[in-house]
């Protein structure tokens, strides 16, 4: 098993902890980075979005905006605010959606992390009921995010 390590995405402007036994690789189809365990319940995708130099968007507002575009309505108390290293901030939430391709529901953990000049969108998904298998590890990965302005 590979040891725990940090993965740096220079293009996306972030670093993240990769737990022992997990992998991190660029996702050529949707961009960003996929972090997952080969035998895990789901996968975590992280995508850096370039921001104007010095811009420091509110992560909760960005999260609500994204979820609204997806047709997901949440109450304010359903969003958790996290403080990240280096003064960065993150807003995360969980919800279930119907899986259109298979019977059942999909569990989603979605978050937006921001720092001056940096924004990272994160989403983890798995079959509903499987989220407890990796939930603590996924949250540890998200809490490990270090943001910096993306390379231009």
N, C-alpha and C. Protein backbone atom coordinates (compact mmCIF):
# COMPACT_ATOMS: atom_id res chain seq x y z
N UNK A 1 0.84 -1.19 0.00
CA UNK A 1 0.00 0.00 0.00
C UNK A 1 0.88 1.25 0.00
N UNK A 2 0.52 2.20 -0.80
CA UNK A 2 1.24 3.46 -0.85
C UNK A 2 1.02 4.23 0.45
N UNK A 3 2.02 4.99 0.86
CA UNK A 3 1.92 5.80 2.06
C UNK A 3 1.11 7.06 1.80
N UNK A 4 0.64 7.66 2.89
CA UNK A 4 -0.06 8.93 2.80
C UNK A 4 0.91 9.97 2.22
N UNK A 5 0.39 10.83 1.33
CA UNK A 5 1.25 11.83 0.68
C UNK A 5 0.40 13.04 0.29
N UNK A 6 1.07 14.11 -0.12
CA UNK A 6 0.37 15.29 -0.62
C UNK A 6 0.45 15.29 -2.14
N UNK A 7 -0.64 15.68 -2.76
CA UNK A 7 -0.71 15.79 -4.22
C UNK A 7 -0.88 17.26 -4.54
N UNK A 8 -0.02 17.78 -5.42
CA UNK A 8 -0.11 19.18 -5.83
C UNK A 8 -0.65 19.26 -7.25
N UNK A 9 -1.71 20.03 -7.41
CA UNK A 9 -2.26 20.30 -8.74
C UNK A 9 -1.89 21.74 -9.08
N UNK A 10 -0.78 21.89 -9.79
CA UNK A 10 -0.28 23.23 -10.12
C UNK A 10 -1.29 24.00 -10.96
N UNK A 11 -1.91 23.32 -11.91
CA UNK A 11 -2.88 23.98 -12.79
C UNK A 11 -4.10 24.46 -12.01
N UNK A 12 -4.57 23.64 -11.07
CA UNK A 12 -5.77 23.98 -10.30
C UNK A 12 -5.50 24.88 -9.11
N UNK A 13 -4.23 25.00 -8.72
CA UNK A 13 -3.88 25.89 -7.62
C UNK A 13 -4.18 25.34 -6.24
N UNK A 14 -3.98 24.02 -6.06
CA UNK A 14 -4.22 23.46 -4.73
C UNK A 14 -3.34 22.24 -4.47
N UNK A 15 -3.22 21.91 -3.19
CA UNK A 15 -2.60 20.67 -2.73
C UNK A 15 -3.61 19.97 -1.85
N UNK A 16 -3.51 18.66 -1.81
CA UNK A 16 -4.44 17.88 -0.99
C UNK A 16 -3.74 16.62 -0.49
N UNK A 17 -4.15 16.16 0.68
CA UNK A 17 -3.64 14.94 1.26
C UNK A 17 -4.27 13.75 0.54
N UNK A 18 -3.44 12.78 0.16
CA UNK A 18 -3.93 11.54 -0.43
C UNK A 18 -3.68 10.45 0.62
N UNK A 19 -4.74 9.86 1.17
CA UNK A 19 -4.58 8.85 2.21
C UNK A 19 -3.82 7.61 1.70
N UNK A 20 -3.21 6.90 2.62
CA UNK A 20 -2.51 5.65 2.29
C UNK A 20 -3.48 4.71 1.56
N UNK A 21 -3.01 4.13 0.45
CA UNK A 21 -3.83 3.19 -0.32
C UNK A 21 -4.74 3.86 -1.34
N UNK A 22 -4.86 5.17 -1.31
CA UNK A 22 -5.69 5.90 -2.26
C UNK A 22 -4.82 6.41 -3.40
N UNK A 23 -5.42 6.80 -4.50
CA UNK A 23 -4.68 7.38 -5.61
C UNK A 23 -5.23 8.76 -5.93
N UNK A 24 -4.41 9.56 -6.58
CA UNK A 24 -4.82 10.88 -7.09
C UNK A 24 -4.30 10.96 -8.51
N UNK A 25 -5.20 11.25 -9.46
CA UNK A 25 -4.76 11.37 -10.85
C UNK A 25 -5.63 12.39 -11.57
N UNK A 26 -5.03 13.02 -12.57
CA UNK A 26 -5.76 13.99 -13.39
C UNK A 26 -6.91 13.28 -14.07
N UNK A 27 -8.02 13.98 -14.18
CA UNK A 27 -9.20 13.44 -14.85
C UNK A 27 -9.32 14.13 -16.20
N UNK A 28 -8.89 13.47 -17.29
CA UNK A 28 -8.90 14.13 -18.60
C UNK A 28 -10.30 14.43 -19.14
N UNK A 29 -11.29 13.70 -18.69
CA UNK A 29 -12.66 13.89 -19.20
C UNK A 29 -13.32 15.15 -18.65
N UNK A 30 -13.24 15.36 -17.34
CA UNK A 30 -13.92 16.51 -16.73
C UNK A 30 -12.95 17.54 -16.18
N UNK A 31 -11.65 17.26 -16.25
CA UNK A 31 -10.65 18.16 -15.69
C UNK A 31 -10.49 17.94 -14.21
N UNK A 32 -9.52 18.59 -13.64
CA UNK A 32 -9.29 18.46 -12.22
C UNK A 32 -8.63 17.15 -11.86
N UNK A 33 -8.82 16.74 -10.62
CA UNK A 33 -8.15 15.57 -10.06
C UNK A 33 -9.18 14.65 -9.41
N UNK A 34 -9.02 13.36 -9.62
CA UNK A 34 -9.84 12.36 -8.95
C UNK A 34 -9.01 11.75 -7.84
N UNK A 35 -9.58 11.68 -6.63
CA UNK A 35 -8.94 11.05 -5.47
C UNK A 35 -9.88 9.94 -5.02
N UNK A 36 -9.36 8.72 -4.95
CA UNK A 36 -10.23 7.59 -4.59
C UNK A 36 -9.40 6.41 -4.12
N UNK A 37 -10.06 5.47 -3.50
CA UNK A 37 -9.46 4.18 -3.15
C UNK A 37 -9.86 3.19 -4.24
N UNK A 38 -8.94 2.35 -4.71
CA UNK A 38 -9.28 1.41 -5.79
C UNK A 38 -10.49 0.53 -5.49
N UNK A 39 -10.71 0.20 -4.20
CA UNK A 39 -11.86 -0.63 -3.83
C UNK A 39 -12.89 0.16 -3.04
N UNK A 40 -12.88 1.48 -3.21
CA UNK A 40 -13.75 2.34 -2.41
C UNK A 40 -15.19 2.38 -2.89
N UNK A 41 -15.99 3.06 -2.11
CA UNK A 41 -17.42 3.19 -2.40
C UNK A 41 -17.70 4.26 -3.45
N UNK A 42 -16.81 5.25 -3.56
CA UNK A 42 -17.05 6.36 -4.48
C UNK A 42 -15.75 7.04 -4.84
N UNK A 43 -15.86 8.25 -5.36
CA UNK A 43 -14.65 9.00 -5.70
C UNK A 43 -14.88 10.49 -5.45
N UNK A 44 -13.78 11.16 -5.16
CA UNK A 44 -13.77 12.60 -4.88
C UNK A 44 -13.12 13.30 -6.05
N UNK A 45 -13.79 14.31 -6.59
CA UNK A 45 -13.24 15.12 -7.68
C UNK A 45 -12.99 16.53 -7.16
N UNK A 46 -11.81 17.05 -7.49
CA UNK A 46 -11.42 18.40 -7.10
C UNK A 46 -11.04 19.17 -8.36
N UNK A 47 -11.62 20.35 -8.53
CA UNK A 47 -11.36 21.15 -9.72
C UNK A 47 -11.07 22.59 -9.29
N UNK A 48 -9.88 23.08 -9.64
CA UNK A 48 -9.54 24.46 -9.38
C UNK A 48 -10.13 25.36 -10.46
N UNK A 49 -10.71 26.48 -10.05
CA UNK A 49 -11.32 27.42 -10.98
C UNK A 49 -10.57 28.75 -10.84
N UNK A 50 -9.91 29.22 -11.90
CA UNK A 50 -9.15 30.47 -11.80
C UNK A 50 -10.03 31.63 -11.36
N UNK A 51 -9.45 32.50 -10.53
CA UNK A 51 -10.13 33.69 -10.03
C UNK A 51 -9.25 34.91 -10.32
N UNK A 52 -9.86 36.07 -10.33
CA UNK A 52 -9.10 37.30 -10.47
C UNK A 52 -8.14 37.41 -9.28
N UNK A 53 -6.96 37.92 -9.52
CA UNK A 53 -5.99 38.10 -8.45
C UNK A 53 -6.61 38.90 -7.32
N UNK A 54 -6.51 38.37 -6.11
CA UNK A 54 -7.05 39.06 -4.94
C UNK A 54 -8.52 38.81 -4.67
N UNK A 55 -9.27 38.27 -5.65
CA UNK A 55 -10.68 37.92 -5.42
C UNK A 55 -10.76 36.88 -4.32
N UNK A 56 -11.69 37.04 -3.37
CA UNK A 56 -11.88 36.06 -2.29
C UNK A 56 -13.37 35.81 -2.16
N UNK A 57 -13.93 34.98 -3.09
CA UNK A 57 -15.37 34.72 -3.06
C UNK A 57 -15.81 34.03 -1.77
N UNK A 58 -17.04 34.26 -1.38
CA UNK A 58 -17.62 33.59 -0.21
C UNK A 58 -17.93 32.15 -0.62
N UNK A 59 -17.34 31.15 0.06
CA UNK A 59 -17.56 29.76 -0.37
C UNK A 59 -19.01 29.31 -0.26
N UNK A 60 -19.73 29.77 0.76
CA UNK A 60 -21.14 29.37 0.91
C UNK A 60 -21.98 29.94 -0.23
N UNK A 61 -21.75 31.19 -0.61
CA UNK A 61 -22.50 31.77 -1.73
C UNK A 61 -22.22 31.02 -3.02
N UNK A 62 -20.95 30.67 -3.24
CA UNK A 62 -20.59 29.90 -4.44
C UNK A 62 -21.25 28.53 -4.42
N UNK A 63 -21.30 27.90 -3.25
CA UNK A 63 -21.92 26.57 -3.12
C UNK A 63 -23.42 26.65 -3.38
N UNK A 64 -24.10 27.63 -2.76
CA UNK A 64 -25.54 27.79 -2.99
C UNK A 64 -25.84 28.03 -4.47
N UNK A 65 -25.02 28.85 -5.11
CA UNK A 65 -25.21 29.16 -6.53
C UNK A 65 -25.08 27.90 -7.38
N UNK A 66 -24.06 27.10 -7.11
CA UNK A 66 -23.88 25.85 -7.85
C UNK A 66 -25.07 24.92 -7.64
N UNK A 67 -25.47 24.74 -6.38
CA UNK A 67 -26.56 23.82 -6.07
C UNK A 67 -27.87 24.28 -6.70
N UNK A 68 -28.10 25.59 -6.72
CA UNK A 68 -29.31 26.12 -7.36
C UNK A 68 -29.32 25.76 -8.84
N UNK A 69 -28.17 25.86 -9.50
CA UNK A 69 -28.07 25.48 -10.92
C UNK A 69 -28.39 24.00 -11.12
N UNK A 70 -28.11 23.19 -10.10
CA UNK A 70 -28.37 21.75 -10.17
C UNK A 70 -29.79 21.39 -9.72
N UNK A 71 -30.56 22.39 -9.29
CA UNK A 71 -31.92 22.13 -8.82
C UNK A 71 -31.98 21.58 -7.41
N UNK A 72 -30.92 21.78 -6.63
CA UNK A 72 -30.86 21.30 -5.25
C UNK A 72 -31.12 22.48 -4.33
N UNK A 73 -32.11 22.34 -3.45
CA UNK A 73 -32.43 23.39 -2.50
C UNK A 73 -32.04 22.94 -1.11
N UNK A 74 -31.26 23.77 -0.43
CA UNK A 74 -30.82 23.47 0.93
C UNK A 74 -31.17 24.63 1.85
N UNK A 75 -31.31 24.31 3.12
CA UNK A 75 -31.48 25.33 4.14
C UNK A 75 -30.09 25.74 4.62
N UNK A 76 -29.99 26.95 5.16
CA UNK A 76 -28.71 27.47 5.61
C UNK A 76 -28.04 26.55 6.63
N UNK A 77 -28.84 25.92 7.50
CA UNK A 77 -28.25 25.07 8.53
C UNK A 77 -27.77 23.71 8.00
N UNK A 78 -27.96 23.46 6.70
CA UNK A 78 -27.49 22.21 6.10
C UNK A 78 -26.10 22.35 5.49
N UNK A 79 -25.51 23.54 5.61
CA UNK A 79 -24.17 23.79 5.09
C UNK A 79 -23.22 23.96 6.27
N UNK A 80 -22.08 23.25 6.20
CA UNK A 80 -21.06 23.34 7.24
C UNK A 80 -19.91 24.20 6.73
N UNK A 81 -19.46 25.14 7.56
CA UNK A 81 -18.33 25.99 7.21
C UNK A 81 -17.07 25.42 7.85
N UNK A 82 -16.00 25.34 7.07
CA UNK A 82 -14.72 24.82 7.55
C UNK A 82 -13.66 25.89 7.34
N UNK A 83 -12.76 26.02 8.30
CA UNK A 83 -11.59 26.87 8.12
C UNK A 83 -10.44 25.98 7.70
N UNK A 84 -9.76 26.36 6.62
CA UNK A 84 -8.64 25.59 6.11
C UNK A 84 -7.33 26.30 6.40
N UNK A 85 -6.25 25.58 6.25
CA UNK A 85 -4.93 26.14 6.48
C UNK A 85 -4.68 27.37 5.60
N UNK A 86 -3.94 28.32 6.14
CA UNK A 86 -3.56 29.49 5.36
C UNK A 86 -4.66 30.52 5.17
N UNK A 87 -5.73 30.44 5.98
CA UNK A 87 -6.79 31.43 5.88
C UNK A 87 -7.86 31.10 4.85
N UNK A 88 -7.74 29.98 4.18
CA UNK A 88 -8.77 29.57 3.22
C UNK A 88 -10.03 29.15 3.97
N UNK A 89 -11.15 29.17 3.27
CA UNK A 89 -12.45 28.79 3.84
C UNK A 89 -13.13 27.79 2.92
N UNK A 90 -13.99 26.96 3.50
CA UNK A 90 -14.73 25.98 2.71
C UNK A 90 -16.13 25.84 3.25
N UNK A 91 -17.08 25.65 2.36
CA UNK A 91 -18.47 25.35 2.72
C UNK A 91 -18.81 24.00 2.10
N UNK A 92 -19.38 23.08 2.89
CA UNK A 92 -19.73 21.75 2.40
C UNK A 92 -21.15 21.39 2.79
N UNK A 93 -21.76 20.50 2.00
CA UNK A 93 -23.09 20.00 2.32
C UNK A 93 -23.23 18.59 1.76
N UNK A 94 -24.23 17.90 2.25
CA UNK A 94 -24.55 16.55 1.78
C UNK A 94 -25.99 16.53 1.31
N UNK A 95 -26.26 15.71 0.30
CA UNK A 95 -27.64 15.51 -0.14
C UNK A 95 -27.74 14.22 -0.94
N UNK A 96 -28.96 13.77 -1.15
CA UNK A 96 -29.24 12.58 -1.94
C UNK A 96 -29.95 12.98 -3.22
N UNK A 97 -29.67 12.25 -4.30
CA UNK A 97 -30.40 12.47 -5.55
C UNK A 97 -30.76 11.13 -6.14
N UNK A 98 -31.81 11.11 -6.95
CA UNK A 98 -32.20 9.89 -7.63
C UNK A 98 -31.17 9.57 -8.71
N UNK A 99 -30.79 8.30 -8.81
CA UNK A 99 -29.86 7.87 -9.85
C UNK A 99 -30.68 7.52 -11.08
N UNK A 100 -30.48 8.28 -12.16
CA UNK A 100 -31.29 8.09 -13.37
C UNK A 100 -30.94 6.82 -14.13
N UNK A 101 -29.68 6.35 -14.02
CA UNK A 101 -29.25 5.19 -14.79
C UNK A 101 -29.53 3.87 -14.08
N UNK A 102 -29.54 3.89 -12.76
CA UNK A 102 -29.78 2.68 -11.99
C UNK A 102 -30.83 2.96 -10.94
N UNK A 103 -31.39 1.90 -10.39
CA UNK A 103 -32.36 2.09 -9.33
C UNK A 103 -31.63 2.52 -8.07
N UNK A 104 -32.24 3.41 -7.30
CA UNK A 104 -31.63 3.84 -6.06
C UNK A 104 -31.23 5.30 -6.09
N UNK A 105 -30.57 5.70 -5.02
CA UNK A 105 -30.16 7.08 -4.87
C UNK A 105 -28.64 7.19 -4.83
N UNK A 106 -28.17 8.40 -5.11
CA UNK A 106 -26.75 8.71 -5.03
C UNK A 106 -26.54 9.69 -3.89
N UNK A 107 -25.53 9.43 -3.06
CA UNK A 107 -25.12 10.34 -2.00
C UNK A 107 -24.10 11.30 -2.56
N UNK A 108 -24.26 12.59 -2.24
CA UNK A 108 -23.32 13.62 -2.69
C UNK A 108 -22.81 14.40 -1.48
N UNK A 109 -21.52 14.63 -1.46
CA UNK A 109 -20.88 15.57 -0.55
C UNK A 109 -20.22 16.59 -1.46
N UNK A 110 -20.70 17.83 -1.40
CA UNK A 110 -20.25 18.87 -2.32
C UNK A 110 -19.68 20.02 -1.51
N UNK A 111 -18.59 20.61 -1.99
CA UNK A 111 -18.00 21.72 -1.28
C UNK A 111 -17.32 22.71 -2.21
N UNK A 112 -17.16 23.92 -1.71
CA UNK A 112 -16.41 24.96 -2.40
C UNK A 112 -15.43 25.55 -1.40
N UNK A 113 -14.15 25.57 -1.79
CA UNK A 113 -13.11 26.17 -0.96
C UNK A 113 -12.59 27.42 -1.67
N UNK A 114 -12.35 28.49 -0.90
CA UNK A 114 -11.85 29.73 -1.49
C UNK A 114 -10.73 30.31 -0.64
N UNK A 115 -9.87 31.05 -1.31
CA UNK A 115 -8.81 31.85 -0.70
C UNK A 115 -8.58 33.00 -1.69
N UNK A 116 -7.85 34.03 -1.29
CA UNK A 116 -7.62 35.12 -2.25
C UNK A 116 -7.01 34.61 -3.56
N UNK A 117 -7.72 34.85 -4.66
CA UNK A 117 -7.26 34.43 -5.98
C UNK A 117 -7.42 32.96 -6.28
N UNK A 118 -8.14 32.20 -5.44
CA UNK A 118 -8.27 30.75 -5.64
C UNK A 118 -9.66 30.25 -5.28
N UNK A 119 -10.15 29.27 -6.03
CA UNK A 119 -11.41 28.60 -5.74
C UNK A 119 -11.27 27.15 -6.19
N UNK A 120 -11.67 26.23 -5.32
CA UNK A 120 -11.66 24.80 -5.66
C UNK A 120 -13.06 24.25 -5.40
N UNK A 121 -13.59 23.57 -6.41
CA UNK A 121 -14.88 22.90 -6.30
C UNK A 121 -14.59 21.43 -6.02
N UNK A 122 -15.30 20.84 -5.05
CA UNK A 122 -15.10 19.44 -4.68
C UNK A 122 -16.43 18.71 -4.67
N UNK A 123 -16.45 17.49 -5.18
CA UNK A 123 -17.65 16.67 -5.03
C UNK A 123 -17.26 15.21 -4.89
N UNK A 124 -17.92 14.56 -3.94
CA UNK A 124 -17.75 13.13 -3.69
C UNK A 124 -19.11 12.49 -3.90
N UNK A 125 -19.14 11.37 -4.59
CA UNK A 125 -20.41 10.67 -4.77
C UNK A 125 -20.20 9.17 -4.63
N UNK A 126 -21.27 8.52 -4.15
CA UNK A 126 -21.29 7.06 -4.03
C UNK A 126 -22.76 6.64 -3.94
N UNK A 127 -23.01 5.36 -3.98
CA UNK A 127 -24.38 4.86 -3.81
C UNK A 127 -24.86 5.21 -2.40
N UNK A 128 -26.10 5.67 -2.30
CA UNK A 128 -26.67 6.00 -0.99
C UNK A 128 -26.57 4.78 -0.08
N UNK A 129 -26.19 5.02 1.17
CA UNK A 129 -26.01 3.95 2.13
C UNK A 129 -24.57 3.49 2.24
N UNK A 130 -23.73 3.87 1.27
CA UNK A 130 -22.31 3.50 1.28
C UNK A 130 -21.43 4.61 1.84
N UNK A 131 -22.00 5.80 2.07
CA UNK A 131 -21.19 6.96 2.43
C UNK A 131 -20.41 6.81 3.73
N UNK A 132 -20.90 5.99 4.66
CA UNK A 132 -20.19 5.82 5.93
C UNK A 132 -18.88 5.06 5.77
N UNK A 133 -18.73 4.32 4.69
CA UNK A 133 -17.49 3.56 4.46
C UNK A 133 -16.28 4.49 4.34
N UNK A 134 -16.48 5.67 3.72
CA UNK A 134 -15.36 6.56 3.45
C UNK A 134 -15.56 7.99 3.92
N UNK A 135 -16.69 8.27 4.50
CA UNK A 135 -17.04 9.65 4.83
C UNK A 135 -16.00 10.38 5.67
N UNK A 136 -15.51 9.75 6.73
CA UNK A 136 -14.52 10.40 7.58
C UNK A 136 -13.23 10.67 6.82
N UNK A 137 -12.82 9.73 5.99
CA UNK A 137 -11.59 9.91 5.21
C UNK A 137 -11.76 11.03 4.19
N UNK A 138 -12.89 11.08 3.53
CA UNK A 138 -13.14 12.14 2.55
C UNK A 138 -13.12 13.50 3.23
N UNK A 139 -13.73 13.62 4.40
CA UNK A 139 -13.71 14.90 5.12
C UNK A 139 -12.28 15.26 5.53
N UNK A 140 -11.46 14.27 5.90
CA UNK A 140 -10.07 14.54 6.26
C UNK A 140 -9.31 15.07 5.04
N UNK A 141 -9.57 14.49 3.87
CA UNK A 141 -8.95 14.97 2.64
C UNK A 141 -9.37 16.41 2.38
N UNK A 142 -10.66 16.70 2.49
CA UNK A 142 -11.14 18.06 2.24
C UNK A 142 -10.53 19.06 3.22
N UNK A 143 -10.43 18.67 4.48
CA UNK A 143 -9.84 19.57 5.48
C UNK A 143 -8.36 19.81 5.23
N UNK A 144 -7.72 18.95 4.45
CA UNK A 144 -6.29 19.07 4.17
C UNK A 144 -5.99 20.01 2.99
N UNK A 145 -7.03 20.49 2.30
CA UNK A 145 -6.81 21.35 1.13
C UNK A 145 -5.97 22.57 1.49
N UNK A 146 -5.00 22.86 0.63
CA UNK A 146 -4.21 24.10 0.70
C UNK A 146 -4.38 24.79 -0.64
N UNK A 147 -4.88 26.00 -0.61
CA UNK A 147 -5.15 26.74 -1.84
C UNK A 147 -4.11 27.83 -2.07
N UNK A 148 -3.88 28.10 -3.35
CA UNK A 148 -3.06 29.24 -3.75
C UNK A 148 -3.56 29.67 -5.13
N UNK A 149 -3.26 30.88 -5.48
CA UNK A 149 -3.68 31.36 -6.80
C UNK A 149 -3.12 30.43 -7.86
N UNK A 150 -3.97 29.99 -8.78
CA UNK A 150 -3.57 29.04 -9.83
C UNK A 150 -2.51 29.65 -10.73
N UNK A 151 -1.65 28.79 -11.26
CA UNK A 151 -0.62 29.24 -12.19
C UNK A 151 -1.27 29.77 -13.46
N UNK A 152 -0.77 30.88 -13.96
CA UNK A 152 -1.37 31.46 -15.16
C UNK A 152 -0.59 31.05 -16.38
